[in-house]
């Protein structure tokens, strides 16, 4: 893994690039590189590179976990997450 990628992961995890708490069921758009689940959460849609991520659609994510990837939007059915902004 490159130094630039390690730096991006650390900046994301520390919230240096910004974050947003999501507790509702409205679609949230942005450039996100990490999800932290505050409570057990059900994701109804997650979009990455214009493609709905079937791996997270209607999937229950356990509380107190980190998930890394790259998403342009997320919609929850229930629960709460902190979405960390990336590049």
C-alpha atoms as a PDB file:
ATOM      1  CA  UNK A   1       0.000   0.000   0.000  1.00  0.00           C
ATOM      2  CA  UNK A   2       1.352   3.428  -0.926  1.00  0.00           C
ATOM      3  CA  UNK A   3       2.158   6.171   1.582  1.00  0.00           C
ATOM      4  CA  UNK A   4      -0.524   8.369  -0.052  1.00  0.00           C
ATOM      5  CA  UNK A   5      -3.194   5.694   0.485  1.00  0.00           C
ATOM      6  CA  UNK A   6      -2.135   5.125   4.112  1.00  0.00           C
ATOM      7  CA  UNK A   7      -2.298   8.885   4.713  1.00  0.00           C
ATOM      8  CA  UNK A   8      -5.797   9.036   3.179  1.00  0.00           C
ATOM      9  CA  UNK A   9      -7.000   6.182   5.402  1.00  0.00           C
ATOM     10  CA  UNK A  10      -5.599   7.859   8.518  1.00  0.00           C
ATOM     11  CA  UNK A  11      -7.058  11.257   7.555  1.00  0.00           C
ATOM     12  CA  UNK A  12     -10.425   9.612   6.980  1.00  0.00           C
ATOM     13  CA  UNK A  13     -10.396   7.659  10.232  1.00  0.00           C
ATOM     14  CA  UNK A  14      -9.420  10.751  12.211  1.00  0.00           C
ATOM     15  CA  UNK A  15     -12.125  12.806  10.499  1.00  0.00           C
ATOM     16  CA  UNK A  16      -9.653  15.324   9.091  1.00  0.00           C
ATOM     17  CA  UNK A  17     -11.520  15.435   5.772  1.00  0.00           C
ATOM     18  CA  UNK A  18     -14.929  15.831   7.424  1.00  0.00           C
ATOM     19  CA  UNK A  19     -17.752  13.562   8.436  1.00  0.00           C
ATOM     20  CA  UNK A  20     -21.523  13.498   8.675  1.00  0.00           C
ATOM     21  CA  UNK A  21     -23.764  11.670  11.107  1.00  0.00           C
ATOM     22  CA  UNK A  22     -26.762  10.000   9.479  1.00  0.00           C
ATOM     23  CA  UNK A  23     -29.733   8.911  11.570  1.00  0.00           C
ATOM     24  CA  UNK A  24     -32.622   9.288   9.121  1.00  0.00           C
ATOM     25  CA  UNK A  25     -33.778   7.430   6.054  1.00  0.00           C
ATOM     26  CA  UNK A  26     -33.200  10.129   3.424  1.00  0.00           C
ATOM     27  CA  UNK A  27     -30.587   9.609   0.716  1.00  0.00           C
ATOM     28  CA  UNK A  28     -27.265  11.281   1.571  1.00  0.00           C
ATOM     29  CA  UNK A  29     -24.860  12.218  -1.222  1.00  0.00           C
ATOM     30  CA  UNK A  30     -21.139  12.938  -0.986  1.00  0.00           C
ATOM     31  CA  UNK A  31     -17.742  11.353  -1.443  1.00  0.00           C
ATOM     32  CA  UNK A  32     -17.319   8.889   1.396  1.00  0.00           C
ATOM     33  CA  UNK A  33     -14.461   6.490   2.098  1.00  0.00           C
ATOM     34  CA  UNK A  34     -15.456   5.044   5.465  1.00  0.00           C
ATOM     35  CA  UNK A  35     -18.587   4.130   7.388  1.00  0.00           C
ATOM     36  CA  UNK A  36     -18.624   3.824  11.160  1.00  0.00           C
ATOM     37  CA  UNK A  37     -21.772   2.155  12.499  1.00  0.00           C
ATOM     38  CA  UNK A  38     -22.910   3.794  15.732  1.00  0.00           C
ATOM     39  CA  UNK A  39     -25.798   1.361  16.137  1.00  0.00           C
ATOM     40  CA  UNK A  40     -26.869  -1.754  14.254  1.00  0.00           C
ATOM     41  CA  UNK A  41     -27.795  -0.366  10.844  1.00  0.00           C
ATOM     42  CA  UNK A  42     -29.754  -1.563   7.838  1.00  0.00           C
ATOM     43  CA  UNK A  43     -28.629  -0.043   4.528  1.00  0.00           C
ATOM     44  CA  UNK A  44     -31.268   0.096   1.798  1.00  0.00           C
ATOM     45  CA  UNK A  45     -28.943   1.484  -0.907  1.00  0.00           C
ATOM     46  CA  UNK A  46     -25.282   2.344  -1.266  1.00  0.00           C
ATOM     47  CA  UNK A  47     -23.895   3.671  -4.540  1.00  0.00           C
ATOM     48  CA  UNK A  48     -20.275   3.327  -5.613  1.00  0.00           C
ATOM     49  CA  UNK A  49     -19.056   4.529  -9.015  1.00  0.00           C
ATOM     50  CA  UNK A  50     -22.665   4.840 -10.188  1.00  0.00           C
ATOM     51  CA  UNK A  51     -23.449   1.217  -9.344  1.00  0.00           C
ATOM     52  CA  UNK A  52     -25.720   0.207  -6.483  1.00  0.00           C
ATOM     53  CA  UNK A  53     -23.649  -1.950  -4.161  1.00  0.00           C
ATOM     54  CA  UNK A  54     -25.626  -5.170  -3.845  1.00  0.00           C
ATOM     55  CA  UNK A  55     -23.355  -6.323  -1.008  1.00  0.00           C
ATOM     56  CA  UNK A  56     -24.736  -3.596   1.278  1.00  0.00           C
ATOM     57  CA  UNK A  57     -28.284  -3.308  -0.028  1.00  0.00           C
ATOM     58  CA  UNK A  58     -30.787  -4.373   2.646  1.00  0.00           C
ATOM     59  CA  UNK A  59     -27.944  -5.746   4.719  1.00  0.00           C
ATOM     60  CA  UNK A  60     -27.651  -5.375   8.471  1.00  0.00           C
ATOM     61  CA  UNK A  61     -24.335  -3.920   9.580  1.00  0.00           C
ATOM     62  CA  UNK A  62     -23.364  -4.582  13.211  1.00  0.00           C
ATOM     63  CA  UNK A  63     -22.821  -1.717  15.649  1.00  0.00           C
ATOM     64  CA  UNK A  64     -19.369  -0.324  16.436  1.00  0.00           C
ATOM     65  CA  UNK A  65     -17.687  -1.402  13.172  1.00  0.00           C
ATOM     66  CA  UNK A  66     -15.685   0.288  10.404  1.00  0.00           C
ATOM     67  CA  UNK A  67     -16.317  -0.342   6.701  1.00  0.00           C
ATOM     68  CA  UNK A  68     -13.954   1.053   4.066  1.00  0.00           C
ATOM     69  CA  UNK A  69     -14.701   1.651   0.405  1.00  0.00           C
ATOM     70  CA  UNK A  70     -15.792   4.522  -1.793  1.00  0.00           C
ATOM     71  CA  UNK A  71     -19.441   5.587  -1.908  1.00  0.00           C
ATOM     72  CA  UNK A  72     -21.213   8.504  -3.561  1.00  0.00           C
ATOM     73  CA  UNK A  73     -24.491   8.044  -1.688  1.00  0.00           C
ATOM     74  CA  UNK A  74     -26.110   5.975   1.029  1.00  0.00           C
ATOM     75  CA  UNK A  75     -29.679   5.442   2.192  1.00  0.00           C
ATOM     76  CA  UNK A  76     -30.501   3.812   5.510  1.00  0.00           C
ATOM     77  CA  UNK A  77     -33.587   1.851   6.486  1.00  0.00           C
ATOM     78  CA  UNK A  78     -32.739   2.067  10.182  1.00  0.00           C
ATOM     79  CA  UNK A  79     -29.844   2.718  12.528  1.00  0.00           C
ATOM     80  CA  UNK A  80     -27.198   5.405  12.599  1.00  0.00           C
ATOM     81  CA  UNK A  81     -23.778   5.815  11.015  1.00  0.00           C
ATOM     82  CA  UNK A  82     -20.992   8.326  10.684  1.00  0.00           C
ATOM     83  CA  UNK A  83     -19.890   8.709   7.081  1.00  0.00           C
ATOM     84  CA  UNK A  84     -16.321   9.953   6.648  1.00  0.00           C
ATOM     85  CA  UNK A  85     -15.519  12.182   3.705  1.00  0.00           C
ATOM     86  CA  UNK A  86     -12.746  11.115   1.370  1.00  0.00           C
ATOM     87  CA  UNK A  87     -11.226  12.192  -1.872  1.00  0.00           C
END
